[in-house]
């Protein structure tokens, strides 16, 4: 019986987890940092993952229309970004416009993902042409 390759181990761990966002440090127990990053890059090329930013990867599925890899997240890009910030240990909160919409005080739906971060955070998270906008 042959041993599983690092790629097979990482793919199995991704399949087991019910999460939409992954960080390379989640796979550090399986191999070295360079090896894990190489496998994640190959998974992005294969269409199993999409890169959302430096060290942040999202689960992907194949689009029925174009055949390209698209982000697969229950709550879209906004939900994936919130999950990523939480995993990175960044304190965040929704902006006032989103709170007002959720409470029924407004009918305007926030279009772009905007979050207020507490503390320092300088990474840019984006998917395609959609980019996370940060408020301080």
Protein backbone atom coordinates (compact mmCIF):
# COMPACT_ATOMS: atom_id res chain seq x y z
CA UNK A 1 0.00 0.00 0.00
CA UNK A 2 1.53 3.33 -1.03
CA UNK A 3 1.63 6.40 1.16
CA UNK A 4 -0.60 9.36 0.34
CA UNK A 5 1.07 12.31 -1.31
CA UNK A 6 0.99 15.72 0.33
CA UNK A 7 -1.54 16.87 -2.27
CA UNK A 8 -3.84 13.96 -1.44
CA UNK A 9 -3.56 14.70 2.28
CA UNK A 10 -4.38 18.39 1.78
CA UNK A 11 -7.29 17.57 -0.55
CA UNK A 12 -8.65 15.11 2.03
CA UNK A 13 -8.43 17.70 4.79
CA UNK A 14 -10.21 20.29 2.63
CA UNK A 15 -12.95 17.76 1.83
CA UNK A 16 -13.39 16.90 5.53
CA UNK A 17 -13.71 20.50 6.73
CA UNK A 18 -16.95 22.37 6.23
CA UNK A 19 -15.17 25.70 5.84
CA UNK A 20 -14.89 28.01 2.87
CA UNK A 21 -11.50 29.62 3.60
CA UNK A 22 -8.11 28.04 4.26
CA UNK A 23 -4.77 29.37 5.45
CA UNK A 24 -1.45 27.61 4.73
CA UNK A 25 -0.75 27.28 8.46
CA UNK A 26 -3.71 24.90 8.74
CA UNK A 27 -1.68 22.37 6.75
CA UNK A 28 1.70 22.98 8.40
CA UNK A 29 1.56 19.65 10.25
CA UNK A 30 1.46 17.79 6.92
CA UNK A 31 4.68 19.16 5.42
CA UNK A 32 7.10 22.03 5.12
CA UNK A 33 5.93 25.56 4.35
CA UNK A 34 7.34 25.60 0.81
CA UNK A 35 5.82 22.22 0.01
CA UNK A 36 2.39 23.24 1.33
CA UNK A 37 2.47 26.52 -0.64
CA UNK A 38 3.47 24.64 -3.80
CA UNK A 39 0.54 22.24 -3.39
CA UNK A 40 -1.87 25.11 -2.73
CA UNK A 41 -0.62 26.89 -5.88
CA UNK A 42 -1.20 23.69 -7.86
CA UNK A 43 -4.71 23.37 -6.41
CA UNK A 44 -5.43 26.94 -7.54
CA UNK A 45 -4.19 26.08 -11.06
CA UNK A 46 -6.32 22.93 -11.05
CA UNK A 47 -9.42 24.92 -10.04
CA UNK A 48 -9.96 23.33 -6.61
CA UNK A 49 -9.12 26.56 -4.76
CA UNK A 50 -9.13 30.28 -5.52
CA UNK A 51 -6.64 32.74 -4.09
CA UNK A 52 -8.29 35.57 -2.15
CA UNK A 53 -5.11 37.30 -1.03
CA UNK A 54 -1.70 36.72 0.50
CA UNK A 55 -1.95 33.41 2.36
CA UNK A 56 -5.74 33.15 2.02
CA UNK A 57 -7.41 30.56 -0.19
CA UNK A 58 -11.10 29.85 -0.77
CA UNK A 59 -12.96 26.71 -1.77
CA UNK A 60 -13.81 26.66 -5.49
CA UNK A 61 -16.22 24.93 -7.83
CA UNK A 62 -16.31 24.89 -11.60
CA UNK A 63 -18.69 27.37 -13.25
CA UNK A 64 -21.29 25.75 -15.48
CA UNK A 65 -21.20 28.72 -17.83
CA UNK A 66 -17.50 29.40 -18.31
CA UNK A 67 -15.86 26.28 -16.92
CA UNK A 68 -13.57 28.44 -14.76
CA UNK A 69 -13.07 28.08 -11.04
CA UNK A 70 -15.36 30.31 -8.96
CA UNK A 71 -15.50 30.96 -5.23
CA UNK A 72 -17.84 28.61 -3.41
CA UNK A 73 -19.02 30.16 -0.17
CA UNK A 74 -22.38 30.00 1.55
CA UNK A 75 -22.50 33.79 1.95
CA UNK A 76 -20.46 34.75 -1.09
CA UNK A 77 -17.28 36.80 -1.04
CA UNK A 78 -18.44 38.78 1.99
CA UNK A 79 -18.88 35.61 4.06
CA UNK A 80 -15.53 34.22 2.92
CA UNK A 81 -13.77 37.46 3.88
CA UNK A 82 -15.35 37.46 7.34
CA UNK A 83 -14.25 33.87 7.86
CA UNK A 84 -10.72 34.75 6.70
CA UNK A 85 -10.45 37.73 9.05
CA UNK A 86 -11.65 35.61 11.95
CA UNK A 87 -9.07 32.91 11.15
CA UNK A 88 -6.34 35.56 10.90
CA UNK A 89 -7.25 36.82 14.37
CA UNK A 90 -8.45 40.24 13.21
CA UNK A 91 -11.23 41.88 15.21
CA UNK A 92 -13.90 43.17 12.81
CA UNK A 93 -17.46 44.39 12.86
CA UNK A 94 -20.04 45.27 10.20
CA UNK A 95 -20.45 48.90 9.15
CA UNK A 96 -23.42 51.03 10.20
CA UNK A 97 -25.21 50.67 6.84
CA UNK A 98 -25.26 46.87 7.15
CA UNK A 99 -26.44 47.02 10.76
CA UNK A 100 -29.27 49.39 9.76
CA UNK A 101 -30.35 47.06 6.93
CA UNK A 102 -30.30 43.98 9.19
CA UNK A 103 -32.36 45.78 11.85
CA UNK A 104 -34.91 46.96 9.27
CA UNK A 105 -34.11 50.67 9.66
CA UNK A 106 -33.06 50.93 6.01
CA UNK A 107 -33.96 49.32 2.72
CA UNK A 108 -30.61 50.06 1.10
CA UNK A 109 -28.54 46.93 0.70
CA UNK A 110 -24.77 47.41 0.99
CA UNK A 111 -23.34 46.31 -2.37
CA UNK A 112 -19.61 46.23 -1.74
CA UNK A 113 -18.15 44.23 1.14
CA UNK A 114 -17.10 46.83 3.70
CA UNK A 115 -15.98 45.95 7.21
CA UNK A 116 -14.63 47.96 10.10
CA UNK A 117 -11.44 46.47 11.51
CA UNK A 118 -10.07 47.12 14.95
CA UNK A 119 -6.31 47.30 15.08
CA UNK A 120 -3.78 46.82 12.33
CA UNK A 121 -4.52 44.91 9.17
CA UNK A 122 -2.92 45.72 5.83
CA UNK A 123 -3.65 42.73 3.59
CA UNK A 124 -5.78 43.18 0.52
CA UNK A 125 -8.44 40.54 0.06
CA UNK A 126 -10.13 40.34 -3.32
CA UNK A 127 -11.86 37.98 -5.67
CA UNK A 128 -11.92 38.94 -9.31
CA UNK A 129 -12.86 42.62 -9.43
CA UNK A 130 -14.48 42.62 -5.99
CA UNK A 131 -12.21 43.88 -3.23
CA UNK A 132 -12.77 44.15 0.50
CA UNK A 133 -12.97 47.76 1.64
CA UNK A 134 -11.75 48.41 5.17
CA UNK A 135 -12.85 51.15 7.51
CA UNK A 136 -10.82 52.13 10.53
